[in-house]
Protein backbone atom coordinates (compact mmCIF):
# COMPACT_ATOMS: atom_id res chain seq x y z
CA PRO A 1 88.22 58.24 76.09
CA THR A 2 86.65 60.38 73.38
CA PRO A 3 85.50 63.82 74.60
CA PRO A 4 81.67 64.07 74.64
CA HIS A 5 81.58 66.83 72.01
CA LEU A 6 83.43 64.55 69.54
CA SER A 7 81.62 61.30 70.36
CA TRP A 8 79.06 61.60 67.52
CA ALA A 9 81.85 62.11 64.98
CA MET A 10 83.79 59.08 66.20
CA ALA A 11 80.78 56.76 66.65
CA GLN A 12 80.36 53.45 64.86
CA LEU A 13 78.55 53.87 61.56
CA TRP A 14 75.80 51.45 60.44
CA GLU A 15 73.96 51.03 57.13
CA VAL A 16 70.36 49.82 56.92
CA VAL A 17 70.19 46.75 54.66
CA GLY A 18 66.88 45.25 55.75
CA GLY A 19 63.30 46.10 54.97
CA VAL A 20 63.78 46.27 51.21
CA ASP A 21 60.29 44.91 50.59
CA LYS A 22 58.66 47.07 53.30
CA GLY A 23 60.20 50.48 52.65
CA GLY A 24 62.69 50.19 55.48
CA ILE A 25 62.97 48.84 59.00
CA LEU A 26 60.84 49.32 62.07
CA VAL A 27 61.94 51.95 64.60
CA ARG A 28 60.78 51.98 68.22
CA SER A 29 60.95 54.74 70.82
CA GLY A 30 62.54 52.51 73.46
CA ARG A 31 64.89 49.56 73.77
CA GLU A 32 62.11 47.10 74.53
CA LEU A 33 60.37 45.39 71.61
CA SER A 34 57.07 46.33 73.26
CA SER A 35 57.81 50.08 73.12
CA PRO A 36 55.78 52.23 70.68
CA GLU A 37 56.60 52.06 66.97
CA ALA A 38 57.60 55.21 65.06
CA ALA A 39 55.06 56.49 62.51
CA VAL A 40 57.49 55.84 59.62
CA ARG A 41 60.24 53.33 58.93
CA LEU A 42 63.97 53.98 58.62
CA SER A 43 64.72 53.64 54.90
CA THR A 44 66.87 50.90 53.41
CA GLY A 45 70.27 52.42 52.63
CA ALA A 46 70.05 54.94 55.47
CA LEU A 47 73.24 55.61 57.42
CA VAL A 48 73.08 55.92 61.20
CA CYS A 49 75.64 56.39 63.95
CA GLU A 50 75.58 54.28 67.07
CA GLU A 51 74.57 56.00 70.29
CA GLU A 52 74.07 52.84 72.36
CA LEU A 53 74.29 49.12 71.67
CA ALA A 54 72.36 46.78 73.98
CA GLY A 55 72.47 43.16 72.87
CA ASP A 56 70.74 42.99 69.47
CA ARG A 57 69.23 46.49 69.84
CA LEU A 58 70.79 49.71 68.60
CA ARG A 59 69.94 53.27 69.61
CA TYR A 60 70.92 55.44 66.67
CA ARG A 61 71.13 58.98 65.32
CA LYS A 62 70.37 59.30 61.59
CA ILE A 63 73.10 60.69 59.33
CA LYS A 64 71.59 60.13 55.86
CA GLY A 65 68.38 58.66 54.51
CA ASN A 66 64.68 58.87 55.30
CA GLY A 67 62.87 58.05 58.50
CA PRO A 68 63.05 59.00 62.17
CA ASP A 69 66.10 61.02 63.22
CA SER A 70 66.65 58.73 66.19
CA GLY A 71 65.26 55.67 67.90
CA TRP A 72 65.86 51.97 68.58
CA ILE A 73 66.24 49.33 65.88
CA SER A 74 67.03 45.62 65.82
CA LEU A 75 70.36 44.47 64.38
CA LYS A 76 68.65 41.41 62.92
CA VAL A 77 65.19 39.89 62.65
CA LYS A 78 64.87 36.08 62.39
CA GLU A 79 68.65 35.88 61.78
CA LYS A 80 68.34 38.27 58.81
CA PRO A 81 70.54 41.38 59.22
CA MET A 82 68.70 44.70 59.34
CA VAL A 83 71.86 46.82 59.65
CA VAL A 84 75.56 46.19 58.99
CA ARG A 85 78.63 47.94 60.32
CA ARG A 86 80.22 50.33 57.88
CA GLU A 87 83.76 51.66 57.81
CA GLY A 88 84.33 55.37 58.25
CA SER A 89 82.81 57.96 60.53
CA ALA A 90 79.65 60.00 60.73
CA VAL A 91 81.58 63.05 59.52
CA THR A 92 82.83 61.29 56.39
CA ALA A 93 79.38 59.81 55.71
CA ALA A 94 77.62 63.16 56.10
CA LEU A 95 80.06 65.05 53.87
CA GLY A 96 80.83 62.31 51.38
CA ARG A 97 84.54 63.09 51.88
CA LYS A 98 86.98 63.78 54.68
CA ALA A 99 86.22 66.91 56.70
CA ARG A 100 88.82 69.64 56.25
CA VAL A 101 90.40 71.44 59.18
CA LEU A 102 92.11 74.75 58.52
CA ALA A 103 94.84 75.24 61.12
CA LEU A 104 96.23 78.77 61.36
CA HIS A 105 99.27 79.52 63.50
CA GLY A 106 99.73 82.47 65.81
CA ALA A 107 102.48 85.03 65.48
CA PRO A 108 105.35 84.56 65.26
CA ALA A 109 105.21 80.97 63.99
CA ASN A 110 104.74 78.89 60.84
CA SER A 111 102.87 75.83 59.57
CA ASN A 112 105.51 73.41 60.90
CA ILE A 113 104.99 74.75 64.42
CA MET A 114 101.19 74.56 64.09
CA ASN A 115 101.48 71.00 62.79
CA PHE A 116 103.56 70.10 65.85
CA GLN A 117 101.13 71.83 68.23
CA THR A 118 98.12 69.96 66.84
CA ALA A 119 99.70 66.47 66.77
CA ALA A 120 97.67 65.14 69.71
CA LEU A 121 94.41 66.54 68.31
CA LYS A 122 95.11 65.03 64.88
CA LYS A 123 95.74 61.64 66.47
CA LEU A 124 92.50 61.85 68.46
CA ALA A 125 90.49 62.93 65.40
CA GLY A 126 91.71 59.94 63.35
CA GLU A 127 91.88 59.45 59.60
CA ASP A 128 88.55 61.10 58.76
CA PHE A 129 89.98 64.62 58.64
CA GLU A 130 92.19 66.39 56.13
CA TRP A 131 94.42 68.97 57.83
CA VAL A 132 95.44 72.11 55.97
CA PHE A 133 98.26 74.23 57.44
CA LEU A 134 98.94 77.68 55.99
CA ASP A 135 101.70 80.20 56.59
CA GLY A 136 101.01 83.86 57.27
CA PRO A 137 101.98 86.24 54.43
CA CYS A 138 103.98 88.78 56.47
CA SER A 139 107.62 88.34 57.40
CA TRP A 140 108.67 88.54 61.04
CA GLU A 141 111.98 89.46 62.60
CA PRO A 142 112.82 89.62 66.31
CA ILE A 143 113.70 92.95 67.85
CA PRO A 144 117.18 92.71 69.45
CA GLY A 145 116.96 92.96 73.23
CA ALA A 146 113.13 92.87 73.29
CA THR A 147 111.45 91.13 76.23
CA GLN A 148 107.87 90.98 74.95
CA LEU A 149 107.13 87.43 73.81
CA ASN A 150 105.73 88.33 70.38
CA VAL A 151 108.85 90.28 69.33
CA SER A 152 111.69 88.57 71.22
CA GLU A 153 114.14 86.06 69.73
CA ARG A 154 112.72 82.53 69.32
CA THR A 155 114.09 79.75 71.50
CA ALA A 156 116.28 76.93 70.16
CA VAL A 157 113.33 74.51 70.59
CA GLU A 158 111.00 76.75 68.55
CA LYS A 159 113.63 77.08 65.83
CA ALA A 160 114.07 73.29 65.71
CA ILE A 161 110.30 72.75 65.38
CA ALA A 162 110.06 75.47 62.69
CA LYS A 163 112.65 73.50 60.68
CA ASP A 164 113.72 75.38 57.58
CA LYS A 165 110.71 77.70 57.42
CA PRO A 166 110.93 81.33 58.52
CA PHE A 167 108.77 82.72 61.32
CA VAL A 168 105.84 84.65 59.86
CA GLN A 169 102.67 86.42 60.94
CA TRP A 170 99.27 87.20 59.45
CA TYR A 171 99.61 90.99 59.49
CA GLY A 172 102.31 93.54 60.26
CA HIS A 173 102.71 94.99 63.74
CA PRO A 174 104.25 98.34 64.57
CA PRO A 175 107.37 98.02 66.73
CA PRO A 176 106.45 98.02 70.44
CA THR A 177 107.48 100.79 72.75
CA GLU A 178 109.10 99.41 75.89
């Protein structure tokens, strides 16, 4: 399941196609067709993300366009579609491009290690994000015989994940006193 804090970004996206001749489609405050109407209509061409789908009724959150930020709309009226599903996510629709994620490694590490560490998150986030992995500008060398994690020799597993890239850090550290 999608974590609650990411649910809006991963929600189904809809585009308003109805109401061309009326300045948009009718929005109601509740699911029932008898619930109060919003003061203004949701504009044709607006993009909304799905918060709840109940039969032919959709509770939405507006991403782009004019009209109420949220409410209930009908998917169709007299068999005429009011909204249609749209590919992509709310993030992509809001930005007009993929969102960029800057992933910075800790020390000592490199971009290959950070890429490996974020694999599950990248899979969960899907195709709507562009991931940028940078390497720190400062070289790093282990201190022979050191026991502190940030200055001791890297394990064989860490070296394998790092591939051919050296271990680096974002700023220099003075040698520790043990």
